[in-house]
Each structure stands twice: as C-alpha cells, then as structure tokens.
Amino acid sequence: MSQYNKKTVELESAANVLKLLGDKTRLTIIKMLDNHDCCVCEFVEIFNTSQPAISQHLRKLKDAGLVKETRKGQWIIYSLNKSSDYFPLVEEILSHLPNQDFRLKELEEQGLRISCE
C-alpha cells in the first residue's frame, strides 16, 4: 500500500491510542488478541491479577475502539477490533512484538485455559 492510500488518524487520537498501549498489560492483551479471542477469566490467570483490574484495562481498550466484545451466554469474549480506524497503527506496532501464544499454551498445560462456550 502506498503512503497515499493509507488512512491517517488525528494526531491527538493517535497519541491517546499510543498512551493506552504504553501500559505493558494492555499492550500484551492487544498482542494476545491479535491471534486469539479471550475471556476476562483467562487474562486474570495469565496476569495473576484481579478480575476488576483486568476489566478496567479491557474497558479502556474497548472505549478507545481497539477491542470489541461478544456475549456468549454468561461469558464475554474479547477480540481485536480490526475494523477500527486505529487498527493499521496498532497492527504496525504489533508486527514488531514477540508472539504471546505461549501464555495461552501455559494456561492449557495448567488446565486453566477456559472454554467459555
């Protein structure tokens, strides 16, 4: 794609997105969602932190339009919002980060990977 075809975002909006991704937990969540949809309960186990703390991170990412949620019964499944105006910016950042699939693999090995279906 040439530089003329790329969609640009407002500088202030981009700064807000980058500020959100400046938090290691949120950046890791976004990287994990790049390959897998996840439930809050999985992030609670992976980050060994409280459900309210994880929910707060996800709410900030959702409010910015970076993630979306889908309800499956009593569960809420989070995924990367690839239709967001900010997705090309986020995608570029994610392309420079190491894969985080090992975190979900460790959960599976511990019998803690949740199937919220």
PDB file of N, CA and C in Angstrom:
ATOM      1  N   MET A   1       0.851  -1.170   0.000  1.00  0.00           N
ATOM      2  CA  MET A   1       0.000   0.000   0.000  1.00  0.00           C
ATOM      3  C   MET A   1       0.899   1.236   0.000  1.00  0.00           C
ATOM      4  N   SER A   2       0.638   2.166  -0.878  1.00  0.00           N
ATOM      5  CA  SER A   2       1.466   3.373  -0.916  1.00  0.00           C
ATOM      6  C   SER A   2       1.089   4.284   0.236  1.00  0.00           C
ATOM      7  N   GLN A   3       1.977   5.201   0.543  1.00  0.00           N
ATOM      8  CA  GLN A   3       1.715   6.109   1.654  1.00  0.00           C
ATOM      9  C   GLN A   3       0.501   6.996   1.375  1.00  0.00           C
ATOM     10  N   TYR A   4       0.109   7.134   0.113  1.00  0.00           N
ATOM     11  CA  TYR A   4      -1.025   7.985  -0.230  1.00  0.00           C
ATOM     12  C   TYR A   4      -2.359   7.273  -0.011  1.00  0.00           C
ATOM     13  N   ASN A   5      -2.345   5.959   0.027  1.00  0.00           N
ATOM     14  CA  ASN A   5      -3.577   5.203   0.218  1.00  0.00           C
ATOM     15  C   ASN A   5      -3.863   4.897   1.680  1.00  0.00           C
ATOM     16  N   LYS A   6      -2.879   5.071   2.538  1.00  0.00           N
ATOM     17  CA  LYS A   6      -3.075   4.768   3.954  1.00  0.00           C
ATOM     18  C   LYS A   6      -4.013   5.785   4.584  1.00  0.00           C
ATOM     19  N   LYS A   7      -4.896   5.286   5.428  1.00  0.00           N
ATOM     20  CA  LYS A   7      -5.802   6.165   6.143  1.00  0.00           C
ATOM     21  C   LYS A   7      -5.042   6.788   7.311  1.00  0.00           C
ATOM     22  N   THR A   8      -5.172   8.083   7.478  1.00  0.00           N
ATOM     23  CA  THR A   8      -4.494   8.741   8.590  1.00  0.00           C
ATOM     24  C   THR A   8      -5.488   8.971   9.717  1.00  0.00           C
ATOM     25  N   VAL A   9      -4.956   9.053  10.922  1.00  0.00           N
ATOM     26  CA  VAL A   9      -5.775   9.350  12.090  1.00  0.00           C
ATOM     27  C   VAL A   9      -5.277  10.669  12.683  1.00  0.00           C
ATOM     28  N   GLU A  10      -6.137  11.312  13.436  1.00  0.00           N
ATOM     29  CA  GLU A  10      -5.760  12.577  14.056  1.00  0.00           C
ATOM     30  C   GLU A  10      -4.613  12.351  15.030  1.00  0.00           C
ATOM     31  N   LEU A  11      -3.735  13.322  15.105  1.00  0.00           N
ATOM     32  CA  LEU A  11      -2.555  13.223  15.963  1.00  0.00           C
ATOM     33  C   LEU A  11      -2.935  12.998  17.424  1.00  0.00           C
ATOM     34  N   GLU A  12      -3.921  13.737  17.899  1.00  0.00           N
ATOM     35  CA  GLU A  12      -4.325  13.593  19.299  1.00  0.00           C
ATOM     36  C   GLU A  12      -4.904  12.205  19.577  1.00  0.00           C
ATOM     37  N   SER A  13      -5.696  11.696  18.636  1.00  0.00           N
ATOM     38  CA  SER A  13      -6.260  10.348  18.782  1.00  0.00           C
ATOM     39  C   SER A  13      -5.155   9.297  18.772  1.00  0.00           C
ATOM     40  N   ALA A  14      -4.194   9.468  17.865  1.00  0.00           N
ATOM     41  CA  ALA A  14      -3.070   8.528  17.804  1.00  0.00           C
ATOM     42  C   ALA A  14      -2.287   8.567  19.112  1.00  0.00           C
ATOM     43  N   ALA A  15      -2.093   9.764  19.666  1.00  0.00           N
ATOM     44  CA  ALA A  15      -1.368   9.894  20.936  1.00  0.00           C
ATOM     45  C   ALA A  15      -2.114   9.161  22.052  1.00  0.00           C
ATOM     46  N   ASN A  16      -3.438   9.262  22.057  1.00  0.00           N
ATOM     47  CA  ASN A  16      -4.239   8.567  23.077  1.00  0.00           C
ATOM     48  C   ASN A  16      -4.121   7.056  22.939  1.00  0.00           C
ATOM     49  N   VAL A  17      -4.148   6.568  21.701  1.00  0.00           N
ATOM     50  CA  VAL A  17      -4.005   5.128  21.456  1.00  0.00           C
ATOM     51  C   VAL A  17      -2.618   4.673  21.918  1.00  0.00           C
ATOM     52  N   LEU A  18      -1.600   5.434  21.570  1.00  0.00           N
ATOM     53  CA  LEU A  18      -0.238   5.069  21.962  1.00  0.00           C
ATOM     54  C   LEU A  18      -0.066   5.115  23.479  1.00  0.00           C
ATOM     55  N   LYS A  19      -0.743   6.057  24.116  1.00  0.00           N
ATOM     56  CA  LYS A  19      -0.686   6.136  25.579  1.00  0.00           C
ATOM     57  C   LYS A  19      -1.321   4.885  26.202  1.00  0.00           C
ATOM     58  N   LEU A  20      -2.454   4.461  25.647  1.00  0.00           N
ATOM     59  CA  LEU A  20      -3.103   3.234  26.128  1.00  0.00           C
ATOM     60  C   LEU A  20      -2.177   2.034  25.969  1.00  0.00           C
ATOM     61  N   LEU A  21      -1.508   1.956  24.820  1.00  0.00           N
ATOM     62  CA  LEU A  21      -0.626   0.829  24.549  1.00  0.00           C
ATOM     63  C   LEU A  21       0.713   0.947  25.263  1.00  0.00           C
ATOM     64  N   GLY A  22       0.951   2.085  25.902  1.00  0.00           N
ATOM     65  CA  GLY A  22       2.168   2.275  26.689  1.00  0.00           C
ATOM     66  C   GLY A  22       2.157   1.468  27.981  1.00  0.00           C
ATOM     67  N   ASP A  23       0.992   0.939  28.347  1.00  0.00           N
ATOM     68  CA  ASP A  23       0.875   0.078  29.528  1.00  0.00           C
ATOM     69  C   ASP A  23       1.177  -1.358  29.095  1.00  0.00           C
ATOM     70  N   LYS A  24       2.133  -1.992  29.780  1.00  0.00           N
ATOM     71  CA  LYS A  24       2.576  -3.337  29.384  1.00  0.00           C
ATOM     72  C   LYS A  24       1.434  -4.359  29.385  1.00  0.00           C
ATOM     73  N   THR A  25       0.564  -4.300  30.377  1.00  0.00           N
ATOM     74  CA  THR A  25      -0.551  -5.248  30.448  1.00  0.00           C
ATOM     75  C   THR A  25      -1.477  -5.063  29.252  1.00  0.00           C
ATOM     76  N   ARG A  26      -1.852  -3.818  28.968  1.00  0.00           N
ATOM     77  CA  ARG A  26      -2.759  -3.572  27.836  1.00  0.00           C
ATOM     78  C   ARG A  26      -2.101  -3.946  26.506  1.00  0.00           C
ATOM     79  N   LEU A  27      -0.815  -3.645  26.365  1.00  0.00           N
ATOM     80  CA  LEU A  27      -0.105  -3.994  25.137  1.00  0.00           C
ATOM     81  C   LEU A  27      -0.069  -5.512  24.961  1.00  0.00           C
ATOM     82  N   THR A  28       0.172  -6.232  26.046  1.00  0.00           N
ATOM     83  CA  THR A  28       0.193  -7.698  25.988  1.00  0.00           C
ATOM     84  C   THR A  28      -1.193  -8.245  25.652  1.00  0.00           C
ATOM     85  N   ILE A  29      -2.233  -7.667  26.242  1.00  0.00           N
ATOM     86  CA  ILE A  29      -3.611  -8.084  25.938  1.00  0.00           C
ATOM     87  C   ILE A  29      -3.881  -7.918  24.447  1.00  0.00           C
ATOM     88  N   ILE A  30      -3.529  -6.757  23.911  1.00  0.00           N
ATOM     89  CA  ILE A  30      -3.756  -6.488  22.485  1.00  0.00           C
ATOM     90  C   ILE A  30      -2.984  -7.486  21.621  1.00  0.00           C
ATOM     91  N   LYS A  31      -1.742  -7.768  21.993  1.00  0.00           N
ATOM     92  CA  LYS A  31      -0.937  -8.722  21.215  1.00  0.00           C
ATOM     93  C   LYS A  31      -1.562 -10.117  21.265  1.00  0.00           C
ATOM     94  N   MET A  32      -2.061 -10.518  22.426  1.00  0.00           N
ATOM     95  CA  MET A  32      -2.709 -11.829  22.540  1.00  0.00           C
ATOM     96  C   MET A  32      -3.983 -11.884  21.698  1.00  0.00           C
ATOM     97  N   LEU A  33      -4.733 -10.785  21.694  1.00  0.00           N
ATOM     98  CA  LEU A  33      -5.977 -10.744  20.927  1.00  0.00           C
ATOM     99  C   LEU A  33      -5.726 -10.702  19.425  1.00  0.00           C
ATOM    100  N   ASP A  34      -4.494 -10.421  19.050  1.00  0.00           N
ATOM    101  CA  ASP A  34      -4.141 -10.423  17.630  1.00  0.00           C
ATOM    102  C   ASP A  34      -4.314 -11.821  17.034  1.00  0.00           C
ATOM    103  N   ASN A  35      -4.131 -12.867  17.850  1.00  0.00           N
ATOM    104  CA  ASN A  35      -4.242 -14.249  17.371  1.00  0.00           C
ATOM    105  C   ASN A  35      -5.396 -15.037  17.978  1.00  0.00           C
ATOM    106  N   HIS A  36      -5.908 -14.601  19.121  1.00  0.00           N
ATOM    107  CA  HIS A  36      -6.920 -15.386  19.840  1.00  0.00           C
ATOM    108  C   HIS A  36      -7.941 -14.476  20.505  1.00  0.00           C
ATOM    109  N   ASP A  37      -9.193 -14.858  20.463  1.00  0.00           N
ATOM    110  CA  ASP A  37     -10.213 -14.197  21.261  1.00  0.00           C
ATOM    111  C   ASP A  37     -10.099 -14.767  22.670  1.00  0.00           C
ATOM    112  N   CYS A  38     -10.314 -13.936  23.672  1.00  0.00           N
ATOM    113  CA  CYS A  38     -10.136 -14.387  25.058  1.00  0.00           C
ATOM    114  C   CYS A  38     -11.233 -13.848  25.963  1.00  0.00           C
ATOM    115  N   CYS A  39     -11.396 -14.544  27.060  1.00  0.00           N
ATOM    116  CA  CYS A  39     -12.324 -14.174  28.112  1.00  0.00           C
ATOM    117  C   CYS A  39     -11.544 -13.466  29.225  1.00  0.00           C
ATOM    118  N   VAL A  40     -12.206 -12.617  29.983  1.00  0.00           N
ATOM    119  CA  VAL A  40     -11.573 -11.930  31.111  1.00  0.00           C
ATOM    120  C   VAL A  40     -10.886 -12.932  32.040  1.00  0.00           C
ATOM    121  N   CYS A  41     -11.564 -14.050  32.282  1.00  0.00           N
ATOM    122  CA  CYS A  41     -11.034 -15.035  33.233  1.00  0.00           C
ATOM    123  C   CYS A  41      -9.666 -15.564  32.799  1.00  0.00           C
ATOM    124  N   GLU A  42      -9.433 -15.660  31.492  1.00  0.00           N
ATOM    125  CA  GLU A  42      -8.123 -16.116  31.011  1.00  0.00           C
ATOM    126  C   GLU A  42      -7.049 -15.074  31.309  1.00  0.00           C
ATOM    127  N   PHE A  43      -7.380 -13.795  31.092  1.00  0.00           N
ATOM    128  CA  PHE A  43      -6.420 -12.729  31.390  1.00  0.00           C
ATOM    129  C   PHE A  43      -6.123 -12.651  32.888  1.00  0.00           C
ATOM    130  N   VAL A  44      -7.134 -12.894  33.720  1.00  0.00           N
ATOM    131  CA  VAL A  44      -6.937 -12.893  35.178  1.00  0.00           C
ATOM    132  C   VAL A  44      -5.867 -13.925  35.551  1.00  0.00           C
ATOM    133  N   GLU A  45      -5.959 -15.122  34.967  1.00  0.00           N
ATOM    134  CA  GLU A  45      -4.979 -16.179  35.244  1.00  0.00           C
ATOM    135  C   GLU A  45      -3.602 -15.837  34.680  1.00  0.00           C
ATOM    136  N   ILE A  46      -3.571 -15.348  33.449  1.00  0.00           N
ATOM    137  CA  ILE A  46      -2.292 -15.055  32.790  1.00  0.00           C
ATOM    138  C   ILE A  46      -1.522 -13.967  33.530  1.00  0.00           C
ATOM    139  N   PHE A  47      -2.215 -12.906  33.926  1.00  0.00           N
ATOM    140  CA  PHE A  47      -1.540 -11.778  34.568  1.00  0.00           C
ATOM    141  C   PHE A  47      -1.518 -11.888  36.090  1.00  0.00           C
ATOM    142  N   ASN A  48      -2.174 -12.943  36.605  1.00  0.00           N
ATOM    143  CA  ASN A  48      -2.229 -13.165  38.053  1.00  0.00           C
ATOM    144  C   ASN A  48      -2.657 -11.892  38.782  1.00  0.00           C
ATOM    145  N   THR A  49      -3.775 -11.355  38.324  1.00  0.00           N
ATOM    146  CA  THR A  49      -4.294 -10.125  38.905  1.00  0.00           C
ATOM    147  C   THR A  49      -5.806 -10.245  39.055  1.00  0.00           C
ATOM    148  N   SER A  50      -6.425  -9.252  39.640  1.00  0.00           N
ATOM    149  CA  SER A  50      -7.859  -9.335  39.926  1.00  0.00           C
ATOM    150  C   SER A  50      -8.715  -9.130  38.682  1.00  0.00           C
ATOM    151  N   GLN A  51      -9.903  -9.674  38.733  1.00  0.00           N
ATOM    152  CA  GLN A  51     -10.853  -9.511  37.635  1.00  0.00           C
ATOM    153  C   GLN A  51     -11.202  -8.034  37.433  1.00  0.00           C
ATOM    154  N   PRO A  52     -11.445  -7.245  38.505  1.00  0.00           N
ATOM    155  CA  PRO A  52     -11.733  -5.821  38.285  1.00  0.00           C
ATOM    156  C   PRO A  52     -10.583  -5.075  37.592  1.00  0.00           C
ATOM    157  N   ALA A  53      -9.348  -5.423  37.913  1.00  0.00           N
ATOM    158  CA  ALA A  53      -8.201  -4.766  37.270  1.00  0.00           C
ATOM    159  C   ALA A  53      -8.169  -5.073  35.777  1.00  0.00           C
ATOM    160  N   ILE A  54      -8.369  -6.342  35.424  1.00  0.00           N
ATOM    161  CA  ILE A  54      -8.380  -6.738  34.009  1.00  0.00           C
ATOM    162  C   ILE A  54      -9.562  -6.087  33.290  1.00  0.00           C
ATOM    163  N   SER A  55     -10.715  -6.086  33.934  1.00  0.00           N
ATOM    164  CA  SER A  55     -11.901  -5.478  33.330  1.00  0.00           C
ATOM    165  C   SER A  55     -11.678  -3.994  33.056  1.00  0.00           C
ATOM    166  N   GLN A  56     -10.969  -3.321  33.940  1.00  0.00           N
ATOM    167  CA  GLN A  56     -10.652  -1.903  33.753  1.00  0.00           C
ATOM    168  C   GLN A  56      -9.767  -1.707  32.517  1.00  0.00           C
ATOM    169  N   HIS A  57      -8.741  -2.547  32.368  1.00  0.00           N
ATOM    170  CA  HIS A  57      -7.880  -2.477  31.179  1.00  0.00           C
ATOM    171  C   HIS A  57      -8.707  -2.692  29.909  1.00  0.00           C
ATOM    172  N   LEU A  58      -9.562  -3.713  29.926  1.00  0.00           N
ATOM    173  CA  LEU A  58     -10.374  -4.033  28.751  1.00  0.00           C
ATOM    174  C   LEU A  58     -11.383  -2.928  28.453  1.00  0.00           C
ATOM    175  N   ARG A  59     -11.935  -2.312  29.494  1.00  0.00           N
ATOM    176  CA  ARG A  59     -12.884  -1.216  29.289  1.00  0.00           C
ATOM    177  C   ARG A  59     -12.194  -0.053  28.581  1.00  0.00           C
ATOM    178  N   LYS A  60     -10.969   0.280  29.007  1.00  0.00           N
ATOM    179  CA  LYS A  60     -10.225   1.372  28.367  1.00  0.00           C
ATOM    180  C   LYS A  60      -9.947   1.052  26.902  1.00  0.00           C
ATOM    181  N   LEU A  61      -9.561  -0.184  26.617  1.00  0.00           N
ATOM    182  CA  LEU A  61      -9.288  -0.591  25.242  1.00  0.00           C
ATOM    183  C   LEU A  61     -10.567  -0.592  24.403  1.00  0.00           C
ATOM    184  N   LYS A  62     -11.675  -1.002  25.018  1.00  0.00           N
ATOM    185  CA  LYS A  62     -12.960  -1.017  24.316  1.00  0.00           C
ATOM    186  C   LYS A  62     -13.442   0.410  24.064  1.00  0.00           C
ATOM    187  N   ASP A  63     -13.332   1.280  25.061  1.00  0.00           N
ATOM    188  CA  ASP A  63     -13.753   2.675  24.906  1.00  0.00           C
ATOM    189  C   ASP A  63     -12.985   3.368  23.784  1.00  0.00           C
ATOM    190  N   ALA A  64     -11.732   2.955  23.576  1.00  0.00           N
ATOM    191  CA  ALA A  64     -10.910   3.537  22.509  1.00  0.00           C
ATOM    192  C   ALA A  64     -11.201   2.884  21.156  1.00  0.00           C
ATOM    193  N   GLY A  65     -12.039   1.856  21.161  1.00  0.00           N
ATOM    194  CA  GLY A  65     -12.392   1.177  19.915  1.00  0.00           C
ATOM    195  C   GLY A  65     -11.378   0.145  19.461  1.00  0.00           C
ATOM    196  N   LEU A  66     -10.429  -0.202  20.336  1.00  0.00           N
ATOM    197  CA  LEU A  66      -9.381  -1.144  19.946  1.00  0.00           C
ATOM    198  C   LEU A  66      -9.812  -2.597  20.093  1.00  0.00           C
ATOM    199  N   VAL A  67     -10.717  -2.862  21.032  1.00  0.00           N
ATOM    200  CA  VAL A  67     -11.238  -4.218  21.199  1.00  0.00           C
ATOM    201  C   VAL A  67     -12.757  -4.173  21.159  1.00  0.00           C
ATOM    202  N   LYS A  68     -13.338  -5.319  20.867  1.00  0.00           N
ATOM    203  CA  LYS A  68     -14.791  -5.446  20.888  1.00  0.00           C
ATOM    204  C   LYS A  68     -15.135  -6.670  21.714  1.00  0.00           C
ATOM    205  N   GLU A  69     -16.368  -6.711  22.152  1.00  0.00           N
ATOM    206  CA  GLU A  69     -16.798  -7.843  22.963  1.00  0.00           C
ATOM    207  C   GLU A  69     -18.009  -8.505  22.335  1.00  0.00           C
ATOM    208  N   THR A  70     -18.070  -9.817  22.548  1.00  0.00           N
ATOM    209  CA  THR A  70     -19.188 -10.621  22.074  1.00  0.00           C
ATOM    210  C   THR A  70     -19.684 -11.427  23.258  1.00  0.00           C
ATOM    211  N   ARG A  71     -20.981 -11.389  23.469  1.00  0.00           N
ATOM    212  CA  ARG A  71     -21.549 -12.148  24.577  1.00  0.00           C
ATOM    213  C   ARG A  71     -21.887 -13.554  24.109  1.00  0.00           C
ATOM    214  N   LYS A  72     -21.410 -14.546  24.888  1.00  0.00           N
ATOM    215  CA  LYS A  72     -21.748 -15.954  24.631  1.00  0.00           C
ATOM    216  C   LYS A  72     -22.314 -16.504  25.928  1.00  0.00           C
ATOM    217  N   GLY A  73     -23.642 -16.443  26.048  1.00  0.00           N
ATOM    218  CA  GLY A  73     -24.273 -16.855  27.298  1.00  0.00           C
ATOM    219  C   GLY A  73     -23.876 -15.894  28.398  1.00  0.00           C
ATOM    220  N   GLN A  74     -23.308 -16.425  29.474  1.00  0.00           N
ATOM    221  CA  GLN A  74     -22.886 -15.575  30.592  1.00  0.00           C
ATOM    222  C   GLN A  74     -21.483 -15.004  30.382  1.00  0.00           C
ATOM    223  N   TRP A  75     -20.798 -15.443  29.336  1.00  0.00           N
ATOM    224  CA  TRP A  75     -19.419 -15.037  29.105  1.00  0.00           C
ATOM    225  C   TRP A  75     -19.329 -13.870  28.133  1.00  0.00           C
ATOM    226  N   ILE A  76     -18.302 -13.062  28.321  1.00  0.00           N
ATOM    227  CA  ILE A  76     -17.991 -12.009  27.358  1.00  0.00           C
ATOM    228  C   ILE A  76     -16.619 -12.333  26.782  1.00  0.00           C
ATOM    229  N   ILE A  77     -16.580 -12.476  25.464  1.00  0.00           N
ATOM    230  CA  ILE A  77     -15.347 -12.816  24.760  1.00  0.00           C
ATOM    231  C   ILE A  77     -14.829 -11.545  24.086  1.00  0.00           C
ATOM    232  N   TYR A  78     -13.555 -11.259  24.301  1.00  0.00           N
ATOM    233  CA  TYR A  78     -12.934 -10.065  23.734  1.00  0.00           C
ATOM    234  C   TYR A  78     -12.114 -10.426  22.503  1.00  0.00           C
ATOM    235  N   SER A  79     -12.144  -9.532  21.521  1.00  0.00           N
ATOM    236  CA  SER A  79     -11.367  -9.714  20.302  1.00  0.00           C
ATOM    237  C   SER A  79     -10.843  -8.357  19.846  1.00  0.00           C
ATOM    238  N   LEU A  80      -9.841  -8.409  19.008  1.00  0.00           N
ATOM    239  CA  LEU A  80      -9.261  -7.198  18.450  1.00  0.00           C
ATOM    240  C   LEU A  80     -10.241  -6.621  17.433  1.00  0.00           C
ATOM    241  N   ASN A  81     -10.478  -5.325  17.500  1.00  0.00           N
ATOM    242  CA  ASN A  81     -11.392  -4.672  16.570  1.00  0.00           C
ATOM    243  C   ASN A  81     -10.624  -4.285  15.311  1.00  0.00           C
ATOM    244  N   LYS A  82     -10.619  -5.185  14.345  1.00  0.00           N
ATOM    245  CA  LYS A  82      -9.838  -4.976  13.123  1.00  0.00           C
ATOM    246  C   LYS A  82     -10.490  -3.982  12.169  1.00  0.00           C
ATOM    247  N   SER A  83     -11.704  -3.532  12.483  1.00  0.00           N
ATOM    248  CA  SER A  83     -12.345  -2.515  11.646  1.00  0.00           C
ATOM    249  C   SER A  83     -12.150  -1.107  12.215  1.00  0.00           C
ATOM    250  N   SER A  84     -11.443  -1.001  13.328  1.00  0.00           N
ATOM    251  CA  SER A  84     -11.157   0.304  13.932  1.00  0.00           C
ATOM    252  C   SER A  84     -10.280   1.143  13.007  1.00  0.00           C
ATOM    253  N   ASP A  85     -10.503   2.442  13.015  1.00  0.00           N
ATOM    254  CA  ASP A  85      -9.642   3.357  12.249  1.00  0.00           C
ATOM    255  C   ASP A  85      -8.193   3.265  12.718  1.00  0.00           C
ATOM    256  N   TYR A  86      -8.007   2.822  13.965  1.00  0.00           N
ATOM    257  CA  TYR A  86      -6.657   2.751  14.549  1.00  0.00           C
ATOM    258  C   TYR A  86      -5.980   1.409  14.305  1.00  0.00           C
ATOM    259  N   PHE A  87      -6.724   0.454  13.728  1.00  0.00           N
ATOM    260  CA  PHE A  87      -6.142  -0.874  13.557  1.00  0.00           C
ATOM    261  C   PHE A  87      -4.847  -0.868  12.748  1.00  0.00           C
ATOM    262  N   PRO A  88      -4.741  -0.129  11.635  1.00  0.00           N
ATOM    263  CA  PRO A  88      -3.465  -0.139  10.900  1.00  0.00           C
ATOM    264  C   PRO A  88      -2.281   0.331  11.769  1.00  0.00           C
ATOM    265  N   LEU A  89      -2.505   1.306  12.612  1.00  0.00           N
ATOM    266  CA  LEU A  89      -1.459   1.781  13.532  1.00  0.00           C
ATOM    267  C   LEU A  89      -1.113   0.692  14.548  1.00  0.00           C
ATOM    268  N   VAL A  90      -2.141   0.098  15.147  1.00  0.00           N
ATOM    269  CA  VAL A  90      -1.949  -0.974  16.129  1.00  0.00           C
ATOM    270  C   VAL A  90      -1.270  -2.175  15.477  1.00  0.00           C
ATOM    271  N   GLU A  91      -1.720  -2.528  14.274  1.00  0.00           N
ATOM    272  CA  GLU A  91      -1.158  -3.675  13.557  1.00  0.00           C
ATOM    273  C   GLU A  91       0.338  -3.479  13.298  1.00  0.00           C
ATOM    274  N   GLU A  92       0.709  -2.266  12.942  1.00  0.00           N
ATOM    275  CA  GLU A  92       2.128  -1.965  12.703  1.00  0.00           C
ATOM    276  C   GLU A  92       2.941  -2.161  13.983  1.00  0.00           C
ATOM    277  N   ILE A  93       2.423  -1.691  15.096  1.00  0.00           N
ATOM    278  CA  ILE A  93       3.111  -1.857  16.387  1.00  0.00           C
ATOM    279  C   ILE A  93       3.211  -3.339  16.737  1.00  0.00           C
ATOM    280  N   LEU A  94       2.104  -4.069  16.583  1.00  0.00           N
ATOM    281  CA  LEU A  94       2.079  -5.496  16.933  1.00  0.00           C
ATOM    282  C   LEU A  94       3.062  -6.305  16.096  1.00  0.00           C
ATOM    283  N   SER A  95       3.306  -5.871  14.865  1.00  0.00           N
ATOM    284  CA  SER A  95       4.211  -6.615  13.993  1.00  0.00           C
ATOM    285  C   SER A  95       5.649  -6.616  14.511  1.00  0.00           C
ATOM    286  N   HIS A  96       5.957  -5.730  15.433  1.00  0.00           N
ATOM    287  CA  HIS A  96       7.310  -5.636  15.987  1.00  0.00           C
ATOM    288  C   HIS A  96       7.441  -6.340  17.343  1.00  0.00           C
ATOM    289  N   LEU A  97       6.356  -6.934  17.819  1.00  0.00           N
ATOM    290  CA  LEU A  97       6.357  -7.558  19.144  1.00  0.00           C
ATOM    291  C   LEU A  97       6.425  -9.077  19.046  1.00  0.00           C
ATOM    292  N   PRO A  98       7.022  -9.716  20.066  1.00  0.00           N
ATOM    293  CA  PRO A  98       7.078 -11.186  20.061  1.00  0.00           C
ATOM    294  C   PRO A  98       5.690 -11.798  20.268  1.00  0.00           C
ATOM    295  N   ASN A  99       5.486 -12.943  19.667  1.00  0.00           N
ATOM    296  CA  ASN A  99       4.248 -13.693  19.800  1.00  0.00           C
ATOM    297  C   ASN A  99       3.999 -14.017  21.276  1.00  0.00           C
ATOM    298  N   GLN A 100       2.738 -13.960  21.682  1.00  0.00           N
ATOM    299  CA  GLN A 100       2.375 -14.230  23.079  1.00  0.00           C
ATOM    300  C   GLN A 100       1.568 -15.517  23.244  1.00  0.00           C
ATOM    301  N   ASP A 101       1.540 -16.354  22.196  1.00  0.00           N
ATOM    302  CA  ASP A 101       0.760 -17.588  22.264  1.00  0.00           C
ATOM    303  C   ASP A 101       1.204 -18.507  23.400  1.00  0.00           C
ATOM    304  N   PHE A 102       2.483 -18.404  23.790  1.00  0.00           N
ATOM    305  CA  PHE A 102       2.983 -19.263  24.867  1.00  0.00           C
ATOM    306  C   PHE A 102       2.192 -19.067  26.156  1.00  0.00           C
ATOM    307  N   ARG A 103       1.643 -17.887  26.355  1.00  0.00           N
ATOM    308  CA  ARG A 103       0.876 -17.617  27.587  1.00  0.00           C
ATOM    309  C   ARG A 103      -0.385 -18.474  27.626  1.00  0.00           C
ATOM    310  N   LEU A 104      -1.059 -18.589  26.496  1.00  0.00           N
ATOM    311  CA  LEU A 104      -2.256 -19.432  26.442  1.00  0.00           C
ATOM    312  C   LEU A 104      -1.885 -20.904  26.505  1.00  0.00           C
ATOM    313  N   LYS A 105      -0.756 -21.259  25.915  1.00  0.00           N
ATOM    314  CA  LYS A 105      -0.279 -22.645  25.971  1.00  0.00           C
ATOM    315  C   LYS A 105       0.000 -23.036  27.420  1.00  0.00           C
ATOM    316  N   GLU A 106       0.642 -22.143  28.176  1.00  0.00           N
ATOM    317  CA  GLU A 106       0.900 -22.413  29.602  1.00  0.00           C
ATOM    318  C   GLU A 106      -0.405 -22.603  30.362  1.00  0.00           C
ATOM    319  N   LEU A 107      -1.421 -21.777  30.047  1.00  0.00           N
ATOM    320  CA  LEU A 107      -2.726 -21.935  30.697  1.00  0.00           C
ATOM    321  C   LEU A 107      -3.305 -23.311  30.398  1.00  0.00           C
ATOM    322  N   GLU A 108      -3.211 -23.729  29.142  1.00  0.00           N
ATOM    323  CA  GLU A 108      -3.719 -25.048  28.744  1.00  0.00           C
ATOM    324  C   GLU A 108      -3.014 -26.150  29.515  1.00  0.00           C
ATOM    325  N   GLU A 109      -1.677 -26.045  29.596  1.00  0.00           N
ATOM    326  CA  GLU A 109      -0.893 -27.064  30.296  1.00  0.00           C
ATOM    327  C   GLU A 109      -1.236 -27.140  31.775  1.00  0.00           C
ATOM    328  N   GLN A 110      -1.651 -26.019  32.353  1.00  0.00           N
ATOM    329  CA  GLN A 110      -2.033 -25.992  33.767  1.00  0.00           C
ATOM    330  C   GLN A 110      -3.504 -26.360  33.950  1.00  0.00           C
ATOM    331  N   GLY A 111      -4.188 -26.627  32.823  1.00  0.00           N
ATOM    332  CA  GLY A 111      -5.612 -26.959  32.901  1.00  0.00           C
ATOM    333  C   GLY A 111      -6.480 -25.745  33.198  1.00  0.00           C
ATOM    334  N   LEU A 112      -5.951 -24.548  32.924  1.00  0.00           N
ATOM    335  CA  LEU A 112      -6.671 -23.324  33.270  1.00  0.00           C
ATOM    336  C   LEU A 112      -7.210 -22.580  32.055  1.00  0.00           C
ATOM    337  N   ARG A 113      -6.965 -23.115  30.856  1.00  0.00           N
ATOM    338  CA  ARG A 113      -7.495 -22.444  29.651  1.00  0.00           C
ATOM    339  C   ARG A 113      -8.994 -22.646  29.676  1.00  0.00           C
ATOM    340  N   ILE A 114      -9.703 -21.565  29.637  1.00  0.00           N
ATOM    341  CA  ILE A 114     -11.146 -21.608  29.764  1.00  0.00           C
ATOM    342  C   ILE A 114     -11.793 -21.722  28.384  1.00  0.00           C
ATOM    343  N   SER A 115     -12.737 -22.583  28.278  1.00  0.00           N
ATOM    344  CA  SER A 115     -13.548 -22.631  27.064  1.00  0.00           C
ATOM    345  C   SER A 115     -14.899 -22.049  27.441  1.00  0.00           C
ATOM    346  N   CYS A 116     -15.030 -20.762  27.228  1.00  0.00           N
ATOM    347  CA  CYS A 116     -16.255 -20.049  27.639  1.00  0.00           C
ATOM    348  C   CYS A 116     -17.321 -20.154  26.564  1.00  0.00           C
ATOM    349  N   GLU A 117     -17.619 -21.354  26.170  1.00  0.00           N
ATOM    350  CA  GLU A 117     -18.610 -21.538  25.098  1.00  0.00           C
ATOM    351  C   GLU A 117     -19.921 -22.010  25.698  1.00  0.00           C
TER     352      GLU A 117
END
